[in-house]
Amino acid sequence: MKTPRLIDFQRQFKTSITAEKLSKDELELVRGSKSFSRSERVEVYRYAYRARMIEALAEDFPRVRSHLGNEPFENLVMRYLQASPSIYASLSEISRDFPAFVAGEVNRDGYVGDLARFEWATVLVSQVADEVLSGFESLANLSPAEQLTTPIRLNAFCQLVESEWDVFTEIEPGAVPKRAHTRVIVYPYAEEYSVMSLSLPQWRALNFLSDGVTLANLCERLTHENVSPEEITHWFSIWSQRQIVCL
């Protein structure tokens, strides 16, 4: 067999580690020894790769793993890696497309997919919880009149999550999840994250804020929700204290 260029060897070796089955050509890239055959030597790397991927996704989606069980979860991860081979240099990105994959693979009325989506939101917020975003101190210093006319926006580090299931309450492994239309915001808190339940008007208000609107404009948009300006002002007081909204 002709000796490949280094870059070609690296690509072929990666394929041998990540592929579902080894080909004869891929085995020929590796030398055997007295202690291990070619396939056994490659299998060491294949096992380590699979184990690390499973570990990484289990860290990001512990409740999905608990709900499905270890073996079904590991099988799901391997199908995910076959369908979506990692293109990222960092393990922190390997989970990015997992919630969408779970939603398509696990047909349980959407519960497991929504649970994965919620857990990924907590991961994203936790990753940036120690970042500093400007605009909170300035918001606190605005006068009531200025608050009405100054555009305010949702903290870009927050994640809004909506589900037909109560994915936000932990349940025992194998327990039947509760169907309940729930809306929450996941926001940075104490170098980790916190979760706040939202009413429908609050959910709509925070979605409006994604584009940046004034408090006066928001009151106009929510007039049909039977929400008073005093209530909206109270929301803003809480949201600004928790750094959910900023300038």
C-alpha atoms as a PDB file:
ATOM      1  CA  MET A   1       0.000   0.000   0.000  1.00  0.00           C
ATOM      2  CA  LYS A   2       1.357   3.394  -0.987  1.00  0.00           C
ATOM      3  CA  THR A   3       2.260   5.592   1.974  1.00  0.00           C
ATOM      4  CA  PRO A   4      -0.281   8.459   2.108  1.00  0.00           C
ATOM      5  CA  ARG A   5       0.501  12.103   2.684  1.00  0.00           C
ATOM      6  CA  LEU A   6       0.206  13.167   6.327  1.00  0.00           C
ATOM      7  CA  ILE A   7      -3.003  15.146   5.736  1.00  0.00           C
ATOM      8  CA  ASP A   8      -4.564  12.204   3.906  1.00  0.00           C
ATOM      9  CA  PHE A   9      -3.481   9.836   6.666  1.00  0.00           C
ATOM     10  CA  GLN A  10      -5.058  12.110   9.302  1.00  0.00           C
ATOM     11  CA  ARG A  11      -8.331  12.257   7.389  1.00  0.00           C
ATOM     12  CA  GLN A  12      -8.436   8.507   6.873  1.00  0.00           C
ATOM     13  CA  PHE A  13      -7.550   7.841  10.501  1.00  0.00           C
ATOM     14  CA  LYS A  14     -10.350  10.167  11.634  1.00  0.00           C
ATOM     15  CA  THR A  15     -12.745   8.241   9.400  1.00  0.00           C
ATOM     16  CA  SER A  16     -11.566   4.950  10.889  1.00  0.00           C
ATOM     17  CA  ILE A  17     -12.289   6.256  14.395  1.00  0.00           C
ATOM     18  CA  THR A  18     -15.677   7.803  13.683  1.00  0.00           C
ATOM     19  CA  ALA A  19     -17.054   5.348  11.083  1.00  0.00           C
ATOM     20  CA  GLU A  20     -19.625   2.752  12.089  1.00  0.00           C
ATOM     21  CA  LYS A  21     -17.469  -0.023  10.587  1.00  0.00           C
ATOM     22  CA  LEU A  22     -13.815  -0.270   9.598  1.00  0.00           C
ATOM     23  CA  SER A  23     -12.822  -0.879   5.981  1.00  0.00           C
ATOM     24  CA  LYS A  24      -9.855  -2.983   4.900  1.00  0.00           C
ATOM     25  CA  ASP A  25      -8.040   0.089   3.554  1.00  0.00           C
ATOM     26  CA  GLU A  26      -8.400   1.913   6.862  1.00  0.00           C
ATOM     27  CA  LEU A  27      -6.991  -1.050   8.777  1.00  0.00           C
ATOM     28  CA  GLU A  28      -3.959  -1.111   6.514  1.00  0.00           C
ATOM     29  CA  LEU A  29      -3.026   2.371   7.723  1.00  0.00           C
ATOM     30  CA  VAL A  30      -2.143   0.942  11.134  1.00  0.00           C
ATOM     31  CA  ARG A  31       0.565  -1.526  12.011  1.00  0.00           C
ATOM     32  CA  GLY A  32      -0.166  -4.476  14.225  1.00  0.00           C
ATOM     33  CA  SER A  33       2.083  -5.652  17.039  1.00  0.00           C
ATOM     34  CA  LYS A  34       2.728  -8.791  19.047  1.00  0.00           C
ATOM     35  CA  SER A  35       0.284  -7.581  21.683  1.00  0.00           C
ATOM     36  CA  PHE A  36      -2.453  -6.055  19.528  1.00  0.00           C
ATOM     37  CA  SER A  37      -3.758  -6.661  16.035  1.00  0.00           C
ATOM     38  CA  ARG A  38      -4.444  -3.755  13.660  1.00  0.00           C
ATOM     39  CA  SER A  39      -8.152  -3.780  14.429  1.00  0.00           C
ATOM     40  CA  GLU A  40      -7.530  -3.959  18.189  1.00  0.00           C
ATOM     41  CA  ARG A  41      -5.206  -0.953  18.087  1.00  0.00           C
ATOM     42  CA  VAL A  42      -7.727   1.119  16.136  1.00  0.00           C
ATOM     43  CA  GLU A  43     -10.526  -0.027  18.417  1.00  0.00           C
ATOM     44  CA  VAL A  44      -8.742   1.577  21.388  1.00  0.00           C
ATOM     45  CA  TYR A  45      -9.154   4.981  19.730  1.00  0.00           C
ATOM     46  CA  ARG A  46     -12.671   4.199  18.511  1.00  0.00           C
ATOM     47  CA  TYR A  47     -13.776   3.284  22.029  1.00  0.00           C
ATOM     48  CA  ALA A  48     -12.142   6.390  23.545  1.00  0.00           C
ATOM     49  CA  TYR A  49     -13.827   8.618  20.936  1.00  0.00           C
ATOM     50  CA  ARG A  50     -17.282   7.141  21.521  1.00  0.00           C
ATOM     51  CA  ALA A  51     -16.886   7.226  25.301  1.00  0.00           C
ATOM     52  CA  ARG A  52     -15.821  10.890  25.317  1.00  0.00           C
ATOM     53  CA  MET A  53     -18.687  11.930  23.037  1.00  0.00           C
ATOM     54  CA  ILE A  54     -21.230  10.103  25.178  1.00  0.00           C
ATOM     55  CA  GLU A  55     -19.736  11.659  28.318  1.00  0.00           C
ATOM     56  CA  ALA A  56     -19.859  15.165  26.827  1.00  0.00           C
ATOM     57  CA  LEU A  57     -23.502  14.877  25.793  1.00  0.00           C
ATOM     58  CA  ALA A  58     -24.458  13.262  29.096  1.00  0.00           C
ATOM     59  CA  GLU A  59     -22.968  16.277  30.898  1.00  0.00           C
ATOM     60  CA  ASP A  60     -25.089  18.658  28.816  1.00  0.00           C
ATOM     61  CA  PHE A  61     -28.281  16.554  28.851  1.00  0.00           C
ATOM     62  CA  PRO A  62     -28.364  14.696  32.198  1.00  0.00           C
ATOM     63  CA  ARG A  63     -32.150  14.679  32.422  1.00  0.00           C
ATOM     64  CA  VAL A  64     -32.561  13.337  28.887  1.00  0.00           C
ATOM     65  CA  ARG A  65     -30.162  10.546  29.775  1.00  0.00           C
ATOM     66  CA  SER A  66     -31.979   9.834  33.033  1.00  0.00           C
ATOM     67  CA  HIS A  67     -35.374   9.773  31.313  1.00  0.00           C
ATOM     68  CA  LEU A  68     -34.312   7.474  28.477  1.00  0.00           C
ATOM     69  CA  GLY A  69     -31.924   5.249  30.434  1.00  0.00           C
ATOM     70  CA  ASN A  70     -28.180   4.807  29.901  1.00  0.00           C
ATOM     71  CA  GLU A  71     -28.185   2.340  27.017  1.00  0.00           C
ATOM     72  CA  PRO A  72     -30.950   4.021  24.940  1.00  0.00           C
ATOM     73  CA  PHE A  73     -29.229   7.361  25.500  1.00  0.00           C
ATOM     74  CA  GLU A  74     -25.842   6.034  24.378  1.00  0.00           C
ATOM     75  CA  ASN A  75     -27.420   4.480  21.273  1.00  0.00           C
ATOM     76  CA  LEU A  76     -29.119   7.803  20.545  1.00  0.00           C
ATOM     77  CA  VAL A  77     -25.793   9.638  20.862  1.00  0.00           C
ATOM     78  CA  MET A  78     -24.088   7.236  18.446  1.00  0.00           C
ATOM     79  CA  ARG A  79     -26.880   7.689  15.880  1.00  0.00           C
ATOM     80  CA  TYR A  80     -26.525  11.448  16.323  1.00  0.00           C
ATOM     81  CA  LEU A  81     -22.777  11.333  15.716  1.00  0.00           C
ATOM     82  CA  GLN A  82     -23.288   9.227  12.598  1.00  0.00           C
ATOM     83  CA  ALA A  83     -25.926  11.630  11.281  1.00  0.00           C
ATOM     84  CA  SER A  84     -24.090  14.806  12.336  1.00  0.00           C
ATOM     85  CA  PRO A  85     -20.315  14.235  12.559  1.00  0.00           C
ATOM     86  CA  SER A  86     -18.676  16.950  14.627  1.00  0.00           C
ATOM     87  CA  ILE A  87     -17.109  19.778  12.629  1.00  0.00           C
ATOM     88  CA  TYR A  88     -16.085  21.706  15.737  1.00  0.00           C
ATOM     89  CA  ALA A  89     -12.677  21.871  17.370  1.00  0.00           C
ATOM     90  CA  SER A  90     -14.229  22.167  20.823  1.00  0.00           C
ATOM     91  CA  LEU A  91     -16.365  19.602  22.651  1.00  0.00           C
ATOM     92  CA  SER A  92     -18.495  22.478  23.929  1.00  0.00           C
ATOM     93  CA  GLU A  93     -20.138  22.705  20.485  1.00  0.00           C
ATOM     94  CA  ILE A  94     -20.865  19.009  19.979  1.00  0.00           C
ATOM     95  CA  SER A  95     -24.289  19.327  21.619  1.00  0.00           C
ATOM     96  CA  ARG A  96     -25.534  22.211  19.470  1.00  0.00           C
ATOM     97  CA  ASP A  97     -27.660  20.163  17.052  1.00  0.00           C
ATOM     98  CA  PHE A  98     -28.603  17.420  19.510  1.00  0.00           C
ATOM     99  CA  PRO A  99     -32.018  18.844  20.586  1.00  0.00           C
ATOM    100  CA  ALA A 100     -33.248  18.985  16.981  1.00  0.00           C
ATOM    101  CA  PHE A 101     -31.958  15.456  16.370  1.00  0.00           C
ATOM    102  CA  VAL A 102     -33.672  14.172  19.523  1.00  0.00           C
ATOM    103  CA  ALA A 103     -36.952  15.789  18.485  1.00  0.00           C
ATOM    104  CA  GLY A 104     -36.828  13.911  15.193  1.00  0.00           C
ATOM    105  CA  GLU A 105     -35.622  10.585  16.601  1.00  0.00           C
ATOM    106  CA  VAL A 106     -37.572  10.164  19.844  1.00  0.00           C
ATOM    107  CA  ASN A 107     -41.294  10.222  19.138  1.00  0.00           C
ATOM    108  CA  ARG A 108     -42.822  10.791  22.557  1.00  0.00           C
ATOM    109  CA  ASP A 109     -45.229  13.626  21.808  1.00  0.00           C
ATOM    110  CA  GLY A 110     -42.321  16.058  21.779  1.00  0.00           C
ATOM    111  CA  TYR A 111     -41.448  15.789  25.478  1.00  0.00           C
ATOM    112  CA  VAL A 112     -37.883  14.498  25.112  1.00  0.00           C
ATOM    113  CA  GLY A 113     -37.085  16.939  22.297  1.00  0.00           C
ATOM    114  CA  ASP A 114     -38.373  19.849  24.372  1.00  0.00           C
ATOM    115  CA  LEU A 115     -36.466  18.590  27.403  1.00  0.00           C
ATOM    116  CA  ALA A 116     -33.258  18.515  25.341  1.00  0.00           C
ATOM    117  CA  ARG A 117     -33.991  22.030  24.054  1.00  0.00           C
ATOM    118  CA  PHE A 118     -34.435  23.307  27.611  1.00  0.00           C
ATOM    119  CA  GLU A 119     -31.239  21.652  28.831  1.00  0.00           C
ATOM    120  CA  TRP A 120     -29.289  23.133  25.914  1.00  0.00           C
ATOM    121  CA  ALA A 121     -30.656  26.586  26.835  1.00  0.00           C
ATOM    122  CA  THR A 122     -29.273  26.163  30.363  1.00  0.00           C
ATOM    123  CA  VAL A 123     -25.895  25.143  28.911  1.00  0.00           C
ATOM    124  CA  LEU A 124     -25.758  28.232  26.678  1.00  0.00           C
ATOM    125  CA  VAL A 125     -26.636  30.562  29.542  1.00  0.00           C
ATOM    126  CA  SER A 126     -24.167  28.883  31.926  1.00  0.00           C
ATOM    127  CA  GLN A 127     -21.373  29.355  29.380  1.00  0.00           C
ATOM    128  CA  VAL A 128     -21.802  33.135  29.451  1.00  0.00           C
ATOM    129  CA  ALA A 129     -22.986  33.621  33.036  1.00  0.00           C
ATOM    130  CA  ASP A 130     -19.716  35.291  34.049  1.00  0.00           C
ATOM    131  CA  GLU A 131     -19.687  37.654  31.056  1.00  0.00           C
ATOM    132  CA  VAL A 132     -20.334  41.344  31.643  1.00  0.00           C
ATOM    133  CA  LEU A 133     -23.008  42.999  29.519  1.00  0.00           C
ATOM    134  CA  SER A 134     -23.272  46.766  29.584  1.00  0.00           C
ATOM    135  CA  GLY A 135     -26.506  48.673  29.968  1.00  0.00           C
ATOM    136  CA  PHE A 136     -27.842  47.463  33.309  1.00  0.00           C
ATOM    137  CA  GLU A 137     -26.470  50.253  35.485  1.00  0.00           C
ATOM    138  CA  SER A 138     -27.640  52.876  32.983  1.00  0.00           C
ATOM    139  CA  LEU A 139     -31.110  51.326  32.959  1.00  0.00           C
ATOM    140  CA  ALA A 140     -31.341  51.534  36.739  1.00  0.00           C
ATOM    141  CA  ASN A 141     -30.425  55.251  36.615  1.00  0.00           C
ATOM    142  CA  LEU A 142     -33.187  56.194  34.158  1.00  0.00           C
ATOM    143  CA  SER A 143     -35.978  58.389  35.442  1.00  0.00           C
ATOM    144  CA  PRO A 144     -39.583  57.123  35.039  1.00  0.00           C
ATOM    145  CA  ALA A 145     -40.046  59.511  32.093  1.00  0.00           C
ATOM    146  CA  GLU A 146     -36.831  58.313  30.419  1.00  0.00           C
ATOM    147  CA  GLN A 147     -37.850  54.679  30.891  1.00  0.00           C
ATOM    148  CA  LEU A 148     -40.948  55.314  28.808  1.00  0.00           C
ATOM    149  CA  THR A 149     -39.021  56.723  25.832  1.00  0.00           C
ATOM    150  CA  THR A 150     -35.691  54.831  25.883  1.00  0.00           C
ATOM    151  CA  PRO A 151     -35.436  51.641  23.772  1.00  0.00           C
ATOM    152  CA  ILE A 152     -34.925  48.629  26.018  1.00  0.00           C
ATOM    153  CA  ARG A 153     -33.947  45.161  24.852  1.00  0.00           C
ATOM    154  CA  LEU A 154     -33.744  41.621  26.092  1.00  0.00           C
ATOM    155  CA  ASN A 155     -30.370  40.528  27.450  1.00  0.00           C
ATOM    156  CA  ALA A 156     -28.855  38.624  24.516  1.00  0.00           C
ATOM    157  CA  PHE A 157     -27.496  35.994  26.910  1.00  0.00           C
ATOM    158  CA  CYS A 158     -31.015  34.961  28.004  1.00  0.00           C
ATOM    159  CA  GLN A 159     -32.936  32.082  26.453  1.00  0.00           C
ATOM    160  CA  LEU A 160     -36.722  31.961  26.076  1.00  0.00           C
ATOM    161  CA  VAL A 161     -38.140  28.416  26.103  1.00  0.00           C
ATOM    162  CA  GLU A 162     -41.733  27.350  25.491  1.00  0.00           C
ATOM    163  CA  SER A 163     -43.131  23.811  25.655  1.00  0.00           C
ATOM    164  CA  GLU A 164     -46.412  21.918  25.720  1.00  0.00           C
ATOM    165  CA  TRP A 165     -44.818  19.863  28.503  1.00  0.00           C
ATOM    166  CA  ASP A 166     -43.566  20.722  31.963  1.00  0.00           C
ATOM    167  CA  VAL A 167     -39.932  20.071  31.018  1.00  0.00           C
ATOM    168  CA  PHE A 168     -38.765  22.497  33.683  1.00  0.00           C
ATOM    169  CA  THR A 169     -39.710  20.285  36.635  1.00  0.00           C
ATOM    170  CA  GLU A 170     -37.493  17.262  37.275  1.00  0.00           C
ATOM    171  CA  ILE A 171     -39.269  13.903  37.451  1.00  0.00           C
ATOM    172  CA  GLU A 172     -38.188  10.444  38.507  1.00  0.00           C
ATOM    173  CA  PRO A 173     -36.639   8.219  35.792  1.00  0.00           C
ATOM    174  CA  GLY A 174     -39.395   6.439  33.870  1.00  0.00           C
ATOM    175  CA  ALA A 175     -42.149   8.642  35.326  1.00  0.00           C
ATOM    176  CA  VAL A 176     -44.848   9.963  33.012  1.00  0.00           C
ATOM    177  CA  PRO A 177     -44.209  13.647  32.244  1.00  0.00           C
ATOM    178  CA  LYS A 178     -46.922  16.202  32.875  1.00  0.00           C
ATOM    179  CA  ARG A 179     -48.472  17.927  29.870  1.00  0.00           C
ATOM    180  CA  ALA A 180     -48.718  21.628  30.685  1.00  0.00           C
ATOM    181  CA  HIS A 181     -48.123  24.584  28.363  1.00  0.00           C
ATOM    182  CA  THR A 182     -45.217  26.321  30.053  1.00  0.00           C
ATOM    183  CA  ARG A 183     -43.071  29.332  29.219  1.00  0.00           C
ATOM    184  CA  VAL A 184     -39.845  30.306  30.980  1.00  0.00           C
ATOM    185  CA  ILE A 185     -36.792  32.457  30.577  1.00  0.00           C
ATOM    186  CA  VAL A 186     -33.351  31.076  31.424  1.00  0.00           C
ATOM    187  CA  TYR A 187     -31.040  33.886  32.507  1.00  0.00           C
ATOM    188  CA  PRO A 188     -27.475  34.234  33.889  1.00  0.00           C
ATOM    189  CA  TYR A 189     -27.328  34.140  37.656  1.00  0.00           C
ATOM    190  CA  ALA A 190     -24.412  33.762  40.084  1.00  0.00           C
ATOM    191  CA  GLU A 191     -22.045  32.357  37.444  1.00  0.00           C
ATOM    192  CA  GLU A 192     -24.621  29.721  36.489  1.00  0.00           C
ATOM    193  CA  TYR A 193     -28.251  30.188  35.495  1.00  0.00           C
ATOM    194  CA  SER A 194     -31.722  30.625  36.921  1.00  0.00           C
ATOM    195  CA  VAL A 195     -35.183  29.965  35.490  1.00  0.00           C
ATOM    196  CA  MET A 196     -38.246  32.202  35.770  1.00  0.00           C
ATOM    197  CA  SER A 197     -41.767  31.145  34.818  1.00  0.00           C
ATOM    198  CA  LEU A 198     -43.643  33.572  32.576  1.00  0.00           C
ATOM    199  CA  SER A 199     -47.280  34.351  31.952  1.00  0.00           C
ATOM    200  CA  LEU A 200     -48.387  34.654  28.323  1.00  0.00           C
ATOM    201  CA  PRO A 201     -48.322  38.504  28.414  1.00  0.00           C
ATOM    202  CA  GLN A 202     -44.826  38.435  29.963  1.00  0.00           C
ATOM    203  CA  TRP A 203     -43.678  35.957  27.298  1.00  0.00           C
ATOM    204  CA  ARG A 204     -44.974  38.213  24.531  1.00  0.00           C
ATOM    205  CA  ALA A 205     -43.434  41.275  26.161  1.00  0.00           C
ATOM    206  CA  LEU A 206     -39.960  39.697  26.299  1.00  0.00           C
ATOM    207  CA  ASN A 207     -40.270  38.534  22.687  1.00  0.00           C
ATOM    208  CA  PHE A 208     -41.119  42.106  21.676  1.00  0.00           C
ATOM    209  CA  LEU A 209     -37.993  43.231  23.524  1.00  0.00           C
ATOM    210  CA  SER A 210     -35.785  40.987  21.402  1.00  0.00           C
ATOM    211  CA  ASP A 211     -35.820  43.771  18.795  1.00  0.00           C
ATOM    212  CA  GLY A 212     -35.629  46.613  21.322  1.00  0.00           C
ATOM    213  CA  VAL A 213     -38.735  48.727  22.080  1.00  0.00           C
ATOM    214  CA  THR A 214     -39.626  51.533  24.454  1.00  0.00           C
ATOM    215  CA  LEU A 215     -41.729  50.888  27.531  1.00  0.00           C
ATOM    216  CA  ALA A 216     -44.442  53.167  26.108  1.00  0.00           C
ATOM    217  CA  ASN A 217     -44.498  51.189  22.860  1.00  0.00           C
ATOM    218  CA  LEU A 218     -44.660  47.932  24.774  1.00  0.00           C
ATOM    219  CA  CYS A 219     -47.658  49.158  26.761  1.00  0.00           C
ATOM    220  CA  GLU A 220     -49.422  49.925  23.467  1.00  0.00           C
ATOM    221  CA  ARG A 221     -48.665  46.454  22.100  1.00  0.00           C
ATOM    222  CA  LEU A 222     -50.034  44.783  25.225  1.00  0.00           C
ATOM    223  CA  THR A 223     -53.255  46.778  25.560  1.00  0.00           C
ATOM    224  CA  HIS A 224     -55.335  43.842  24.260  1.00  0.00           C
ATOM    225  CA  GLU A 225     -53.813  41.592  26.967  1.00  0.00           C
ATOM    226  CA  ASN A 226     -55.626  43.511  29.738  1.00  0.00           C
ATOM    227  CA  VAL A 227     -52.300  44.348  31.349  1.00  0.00           C
ATOM    228  CA  SER A 228     -52.012  47.725  33.056  1.00  0.00           C
ATOM    229  CA  PRO A 229     -48.983  50.007  32.597  1.00  0.00           C
ATOM    230  CA  GLU A 230     -48.367  49.609  36.338  1.00  0.00           C
ATOM    231  CA  GLU A 231     -48.027  45.838  35.921  1.00  0.00           C
ATOM    232  CA  ILE A 232     -45.602  46.237  33.015  1.00  0.00           C
ATOM    233  CA  THR A 233     -43.550  48.736  35.027  1.00  0.00           C
ATOM    234  CA  HIS A 234     -43.417  46.197  37.871  1.00  0.00           C
ATOM    235  CA  TRP A 235     -42.183  43.504  35.445  1.00  0.00           C
ATOM    236  CA  PHE A 236     -39.456  45.834  34.247  1.00  0.00           C
ATOM    237  CA  SER A 237     -38.361  46.521  37.791  1.00  0.00           C
ATOM    238  CA  ILE A 238     -37.893  42.790  38.422  1.00  0.00           C
ATOM    239  CA  TRP A 239     -36.319  42.108  35.009  1.00  0.00           C
ATOM    240  CA  SER A 240     -33.832  44.945  35.336  1.00  0.00           C
ATOM    241  CA  GLN A 241     -32.811  43.801  38.839  1.00  0.00           C
ATOM    242  CA  ARG A 242     -32.139  40.312  37.452  1.00  0.00           C
ATOM    243  CA  GLN A 243     -30.391  41.733  34.384  1.00  0.00           C
ATOM    244  CA  ILE A 244     -32.925  40.207  31.998  1.00  0.00           C
ATOM    245  CA  VAL A 245     -33.427  43.514  30.195  1.00  0.00           C
ATOM    246  CA  CYS A 246     -30.887  46.225  29.390  1.00  0.00           C
ATOM    247  CA  LEU A 247     -30.335  49.270  27.194  1.00  0.00           C
END
